[in-house]
């Protein structure tokens, strides 16, 4: 377990639901990755890179809802600016994406 945080620290993390609307290969990344374009409803469209090529095909990701941290600063990865962090659970060096159990509105707050 990492360092213990207090509830005020947790409330600073803005977790939202979005829908993947575009998936592209990202050959410039150091590790196999996709470039994702994600619709967060009223928050707009954001981009992210994700090292999920082992478990997911591009066509399987289209229209899939995910959960992401949307209030990190942009991070440059190779020639790409990632605007959010898509969340997943690590399973034997693979990442299994987190998603809502039922479809919800894009931009919905995760609490």
N, C-alpha and C. Protein backbone atom coordinates (compact mmCIF):
# COMPACT_ATOMS: atom_id res chain seq x y z
N UNK A 1 0.85 -1.17 0.00
CA UNK A 1 0.00 0.00 0.00
C UNK A 1 0.89 1.23 0.00
N UNK A 2 0.46 2.25 -0.75
CA UNK A 2 1.19 3.51 -0.80
C UNK A 2 0.90 4.35 0.42
N UNK A 3 1.44 5.54 0.43
CA UNK A 3 1.24 6.49 1.52
C UNK A 3 -0.25 6.73 1.78
N UNK A 4 -0.62 6.82 3.04
CA UNK A 4 -2.00 7.12 3.41
C UNK A 4 -2.30 8.58 3.11
N UNK A 5 -3.48 8.83 2.54
CA UNK A 5 -3.91 10.21 2.26
C UNK A 5 -5.16 10.49 3.08
N UNK A 6 -5.49 11.76 3.21
CA UNK A 6 -6.72 12.08 3.92
C UNK A 6 -7.84 12.31 2.90
N UNK A 7 -9.07 12.42 3.39
CA UNK A 7 -10.22 12.53 2.50
C UNK A 7 -10.13 13.79 1.64
N UNK A 8 -9.60 14.88 2.19
CA UNK A 8 -9.45 16.11 1.40
C UNK A 8 -8.55 15.89 0.19
N UNK A 9 -7.51 15.07 0.34
CA UNK A 9 -6.65 14.75 -0.81
C UNK A 9 -7.44 14.00 -1.87
N UNK A 10 -8.24 13.04 -1.44
CA UNK A 10 -9.03 12.25 -2.38
C UNK A 10 -10.03 13.12 -3.16
N UNK A 11 -10.64 14.08 -2.48
CA UNK A 11 -11.66 14.90 -3.15
C UNK A 11 -11.07 15.78 -4.24
N UNK A 12 -9.75 15.95 -4.26
CA UNK A 12 -9.10 16.73 -5.32
C UNK A 12 -9.04 15.97 -6.64
N UNK A 13 -9.18 14.65 -6.59
CA UNK A 13 -9.10 13.82 -7.80
C UNK A 13 -10.47 13.84 -8.48
N UNK A 14 -10.51 14.30 -9.72
CA UNK A 14 -11.76 14.40 -10.47
C UNK A 14 -11.89 13.17 -11.37
N UNK A 15 -12.68 12.19 -10.93
CA UNK A 15 -12.90 10.95 -11.67
C UNK A 15 -14.21 11.09 -12.43
N UNK A 16 -14.16 10.83 -13.73
CA UNK A 16 -15.35 10.96 -14.59
C UNK A 16 -15.48 9.77 -15.52
N UNK A 17 -16.70 9.57 -15.98
CA UNK A 17 -17.00 8.55 -16.98
C UNK A 17 -16.97 9.20 -18.36
N UNK A 18 -16.34 8.53 -19.30
CA UNK A 18 -16.33 8.99 -20.68
C UNK A 18 -16.49 7.82 -21.63
N UNK A 19 -16.78 8.14 -22.89
CA UNK A 19 -16.93 7.11 -23.92
C UNK A 19 -15.84 7.28 -24.96
N UNK A 20 -15.16 6.19 -25.26
CA UNK A 20 -14.10 6.22 -26.28
C UNK A 20 -14.76 6.38 -27.65
N UNK A 21 -14.36 7.43 -28.38
CA UNK A 21 -14.97 7.69 -29.69
C UNK A 21 -13.98 7.52 -30.84
N UNK A 22 -12.69 7.38 -30.52
CA UNK A 22 -11.69 7.15 -31.57
C UNK A 22 -10.49 6.44 -30.96
N UNK A 23 -9.93 5.48 -31.69
CA UNK A 23 -8.77 4.73 -31.25
C UNK A 23 -7.78 4.66 -32.41
N UNK A 24 -6.53 5.03 -32.13
CA UNK A 24 -5.49 4.98 -33.15
C UNK A 24 -4.24 4.32 -32.58
N UNK A 25 -3.47 3.69 -33.45
CA UNK A 25 -2.18 3.15 -33.04
C UNK A 25 -1.27 4.30 -32.61
N UNK A 26 -0.30 3.99 -31.75
CA UNK A 26 0.65 4.99 -31.26
C UNK A 26 2.06 4.41 -31.38
N UNK A 27 2.56 4.28 -32.61
CA UNK A 27 3.86 3.63 -32.82
C UNK A 27 5.04 4.40 -32.21
N UNK A 28 4.87 5.69 -31.94
CA UNK A 28 5.96 6.50 -31.38
C UNK A 28 6.17 6.25 -29.89
N UNK A 29 5.22 5.64 -29.22
CA UNK A 29 5.33 5.37 -27.78
C UNK A 29 6.40 4.32 -27.51
N UNK A 30 7.03 4.39 -26.34
CA UNK A 30 8.07 3.43 -25.97
C UNK A 30 7.53 2.01 -25.81
N UNK A 31 6.30 1.91 -25.27
CA UNK A 31 5.65 0.61 -25.10
C UNK A 31 4.40 0.60 -25.97
N UNK A 32 3.98 -0.57 -26.47
CA UNK A 32 2.80 -0.62 -27.32
C UNK A 32 1.60 0.06 -26.67
N UNK A 33 1.01 1.02 -27.39
CA UNK A 33 -0.07 1.84 -26.85
C UNK A 33 -1.04 2.25 -27.93
N UNK A 34 -2.19 2.71 -27.49
CA UNK A 34 -3.16 3.34 -28.37
C UNK A 34 -3.30 4.81 -27.97
N UNK A 35 -3.69 5.63 -28.95
CA UNK A 35 -4.15 6.99 -28.69
C UNK A 35 -5.67 6.91 -28.63
N UNK A 36 -6.24 7.39 -27.54
CA UNK A 36 -7.68 7.34 -27.35
C UNK A 36 -8.25 8.75 -27.38
N UNK A 37 -9.38 8.92 -28.04
CA UNK A 37 -10.16 10.16 -27.98
C UNK A 37 -11.42 9.81 -27.22
N UNK A 38 -11.69 10.59 -26.15
CA UNK A 38 -12.76 10.23 -25.22
C UNK A 38 -13.72 11.41 -25.05
N UNK A 39 -15.01 11.12 -25.12
CA UNK A 39 -16.06 12.11 -24.94
C UNK A 39 -16.48 12.12 -23.48
N UNK A 40 -16.27 13.28 -22.81
CA UNK A 40 -16.65 13.45 -21.41
C UNK A 40 -17.86 14.37 -21.27
N UNK A 41 -18.74 14.38 -22.25
CA UNK A 41 -19.97 15.16 -22.17
C UNK A 41 -19.67 16.64 -22.05
N UNK A 42 -20.21 17.29 -21.00
CA UNK A 42 -20.04 18.73 -20.81
C UNK A 42 -18.58 19.15 -20.61
N UNK A 43 -17.72 18.21 -20.21
CA UNK A 43 -16.29 18.52 -20.05
C UNK A 43 -15.57 18.56 -21.38
N UNK A 44 -16.20 18.04 -22.43
CA UNK A 44 -15.61 18.06 -23.76
C UNK A 44 -14.88 16.77 -24.11
N UNK A 45 -14.11 16.87 -25.18
CA UNK A 45 -13.35 15.74 -25.72
C UNK A 45 -11.92 15.84 -25.20
N UNK A 46 -11.40 14.72 -24.70
CA UNK A 46 -10.01 14.68 -24.22
C UNK A 46 -9.30 13.49 -24.86
N UNK A 47 -7.98 13.60 -24.90
CA UNK A 47 -7.17 12.53 -25.46
C UNK A 47 -6.31 11.90 -24.37
N UNK A 48 -6.03 10.63 -24.56
CA UNK A 48 -5.17 9.91 -23.63
C UNK A 48 -4.44 8.82 -24.39
N UNK A 49 -3.30 8.42 -23.86
CA UNK A 49 -2.65 7.23 -24.40
C UNK A 49 -2.81 6.12 -23.37
N UNK A 50 -2.87 4.90 -23.85
CA UNK A 50 -3.08 3.77 -22.94
C UNK A 50 -2.33 2.55 -23.44
N UNK A 51 -1.62 1.91 -22.52
CA UNK A 51 -0.88 0.69 -22.84
C UNK A 51 -1.80 -0.52 -22.63
N UNK A 52 -2.73 -0.67 -23.55
CA UNK A 52 -3.76 -1.71 -23.41
C UNK A 52 -3.87 -2.59 -24.65
N UNK A 53 -2.81 -2.61 -25.45
CA UNK A 53 -2.87 -3.31 -26.74
C UNK A 53 -2.87 -4.83 -26.61
N UNK A 54 -2.45 -5.36 -25.46
CA UNK A 54 -2.41 -6.81 -25.31
C UNK A 54 -3.80 -7.40 -25.10
N UNK A 55 -4.66 -6.70 -24.39
CA UNK A 55 -5.99 -7.24 -24.08
C UNK A 55 -7.11 -6.70 -24.96
N UNK A 56 -6.86 -5.56 -25.64
CA UNK A 56 -7.94 -4.91 -26.37
C UNK A 56 -7.56 -4.64 -27.82
N UNK A 57 -8.47 -4.96 -28.71
CA UNK A 57 -8.34 -4.56 -30.11
C UNK A 57 -9.00 -3.20 -30.27
N UNK A 58 -8.55 -2.45 -31.25
CA UNK A 58 -9.10 -1.11 -31.45
C UNK A 58 -10.61 -1.12 -31.58
N UNK A 59 -11.13 -2.05 -32.37
CA UNK A 59 -12.57 -2.08 -32.61
C UNK A 59 -13.36 -2.44 -31.34
N UNK A 60 -12.73 -3.15 -30.39
CA UNK A 60 -13.40 -3.50 -29.14
C UNK A 60 -13.51 -2.31 -28.20
N UNK A 61 -12.68 -1.30 -28.41
CA UNK A 61 -12.67 -0.12 -27.54
C UNK A 61 -13.67 0.94 -27.96
N UNK A 62 -14.07 0.93 -29.22
CA UNK A 62 -15.00 1.95 -29.71
C UNK A 62 -16.32 1.90 -28.95
N UNK A 63 -16.80 3.07 -28.55
CA UNK A 63 -18.07 3.23 -27.83
C UNK A 63 -18.06 2.59 -26.45
N UNK A 64 -16.92 2.28 -25.94
CA UNK A 64 -16.80 1.69 -24.60
C UNK A 64 -16.68 2.81 -23.57
N UNK A 65 -17.44 2.70 -22.49
CA UNK A 65 -17.31 3.67 -21.41
C UNK A 65 -16.14 3.28 -20.52
N UNK A 66 -15.43 4.31 -20.05
CA UNK A 66 -14.27 4.11 -19.18
C UNK A 66 -14.36 5.11 -18.03
N UNK A 67 -13.47 4.94 -17.08
CA UNK A 67 -13.33 5.89 -15.98
C UNK A 67 -11.93 6.49 -16.06
N UNK A 68 -11.85 7.81 -15.88
CA UNK A 68 -10.56 8.49 -16.01
C UNK A 68 -10.43 9.63 -15.01
N UNK A 69 -9.19 9.95 -14.68
CA UNK A 69 -8.88 11.16 -13.93
C UNK A 69 -8.76 12.27 -14.97
N UNK A 70 -9.56 13.33 -14.81
CA UNK A 70 -9.61 14.38 -15.83
C UNK A 70 -8.96 15.69 -15.40
N UNK A 71 -8.42 15.77 -14.18
CA UNK A 71 -7.84 17.03 -13.73
C UNK A 71 -6.33 16.98 -13.50
N UNK A 72 -5.65 16.08 -14.18
CA UNK A 72 -4.19 16.12 -14.22
C UNK A 72 -3.76 17.13 -15.28
N UNK A 73 -2.57 17.71 -15.12
CA UNK A 73 -2.06 18.54 -16.22
C UNK A 73 -1.72 17.66 -17.42
N UNK A 74 -1.68 18.26 -18.59
CA UNK A 74 -1.31 17.50 -19.80
C UNK A 74 0.07 16.90 -19.61
N UNK A 75 0.24 15.69 -20.16
CA UNK A 75 1.54 15.01 -20.09
C UNK A 75 1.97 14.65 -21.50
N UNK A 76 3.18 15.05 -21.86
CA UNK A 76 3.67 14.73 -23.19
C UNK A 76 4.27 13.33 -23.19
N UNK A 77 3.78 12.53 -24.12
CA UNK A 77 4.29 11.18 -24.33
C UNK A 77 4.66 11.11 -25.80
N UNK A 78 5.95 11.02 -26.07
CA UNK A 78 6.48 11.11 -27.44
C UNK A 78 5.97 12.41 -28.06
N UNK A 79 5.27 12.33 -29.18
CA UNK A 79 4.78 13.53 -29.87
C UNK A 79 3.30 13.80 -29.57
N UNK A 80 2.81 13.32 -28.45
CA UNK A 80 1.38 13.34 -28.12
C UNK A 80 1.18 13.94 -26.74
N UNK A 81 0.11 14.71 -26.55
CA UNK A 81 -0.23 15.27 -25.24
C UNK A 81 -1.44 14.52 -24.66
N UNK A 82 -1.21 13.79 -23.59
CA UNK A 82 -2.28 13.08 -22.90
C UNK A 82 -2.95 14.05 -21.94
N UNK A 83 -4.29 14.11 -22.00
CA UNK A 83 -5.06 15.09 -21.22
C UNK A 83 -5.81 14.47 -20.05
N UNK A 84 -5.80 13.16 -19.95
CA UNK A 84 -6.48 12.48 -18.84
C UNK A 84 -5.81 11.13 -18.64
N UNK A 85 -6.11 10.50 -17.51
CA UNK A 85 -5.54 9.19 -17.19
C UNK A 85 -6.66 8.17 -17.11
N UNK A 86 -6.70 7.27 -18.07
CA UNK A 86 -7.70 6.20 -18.09
C UNK A 86 -7.28 5.17 -17.03
N UNK A 87 -8.25 4.75 -16.22
CA UNK A 87 -7.94 3.86 -15.10
C UNK A 87 -8.15 2.40 -15.45
N UNK A 88 -7.29 1.56 -14.90
CA UNK A 88 -7.39 0.13 -15.09
C UNK A 88 -6.72 -0.60 -13.95
N UNK A 89 -7.02 -1.87 -13.84
CA UNK A 89 -6.41 -2.74 -12.86
C UNK A 89 -5.32 -3.55 -13.56
N UNK A 90 -4.16 -3.69 -12.92
CA UNK A 90 -3.05 -4.43 -13.51
C UNK A 90 -3.21 -5.91 -13.20
N UNK A 91 -3.14 -6.69 -14.27
CA UNK A 91 -3.27 -8.15 -14.15
C UNK A 91 -2.14 -8.77 -14.95
N UNK A 92 -1.10 -9.23 -14.25
CA UNK A 92 0.04 -9.89 -14.90
C UNK A 92 0.58 -9.06 -16.06
N UNK A 93 0.91 -7.81 -15.79
CA UNK A 93 1.49 -6.86 -16.77
C UNK A 93 0.52 -6.40 -17.84
N UNK A 94 -0.74 -6.79 -17.78
CA UNK A 94 -1.77 -6.29 -18.67
C UNK A 94 -2.65 -5.33 -17.87
N UNK A 95 -3.35 -4.45 -18.56
CA UNK A 95 -4.25 -3.51 -17.89
C UNK A 95 -5.68 -3.82 -18.30
N UNK A 96 -6.53 -4.05 -17.30
CA UNK A 96 -7.96 -4.28 -17.51
C UNK A 96 -8.67 -2.98 -17.18
N UNK A 97 -9.33 -2.40 -18.18
CA UNK A 97 -9.98 -1.10 -18.00
C UNK A 97 -11.11 -1.15 -16.99
N UNK A 98 -11.21 -0.09 -16.19
CA UNK A 98 -12.34 0.07 -15.28
C UNK A 98 -13.48 0.72 -16.04
N UNK A 99 -14.71 0.30 -15.74
CA UNK A 99 -15.87 0.84 -16.44
C UNK A 99 -17.07 0.80 -15.51
N UNK A 100 -18.07 1.64 -15.77
CA UNK A 100 -19.29 1.55 -14.97
C UNK A 100 -20.03 0.26 -15.27
N UNK A 101 -20.75 -0.24 -14.29
CA UNK A 101 -21.52 -1.47 -14.49
C UNK A 101 -22.66 -1.25 -15.48
N UNK A 102 -23.28 -0.07 -15.42
CA UNK A 102 -24.35 0.29 -16.32
C UNK A 102 -23.97 1.55 -17.08
N UNK A 103 -24.55 1.75 -18.26
CA UNK A 103 -24.26 2.95 -19.03
C UNK A 103 -24.78 4.18 -18.27
N UNK A 104 -23.94 5.21 -18.22
CA UNK A 104 -24.29 6.48 -17.57
C UNK A 104 -23.94 7.62 -18.52
N UNK A 105 -24.35 8.82 -18.18
CA UNK A 105 -24.04 9.98 -19.01
C UNK A 105 -22.54 10.24 -19.01
N UNK A 106 -22.01 10.59 -20.18
CA UNK A 106 -20.61 11.00 -20.25
C UNK A 106 -20.41 12.21 -19.37
N UNK A 107 -19.31 12.22 -18.64
CA UNK A 107 -19.02 13.31 -17.71
C UNK A 107 -19.52 13.05 -16.32
N UNK A 108 -20.25 11.94 -16.11
CA UNK A 108 -20.74 11.63 -14.77
C UNK A 108 -19.58 11.53 -13.79
N UNK A 109 -19.80 12.07 -12.60
CA UNK A 109 -18.77 12.04 -11.54
C UNK A 109 -18.74 10.65 -10.92
N UNK A 110 -17.52 10.16 -10.69
CA UNK A 110 -17.32 8.91 -9.96
C UNK A 110 -16.94 9.28 -8.54
N UNK A 111 -17.69 8.75 -7.58
CA UNK A 111 -17.38 9.11 -6.18
C UNK A 111 -17.40 7.87 -5.30
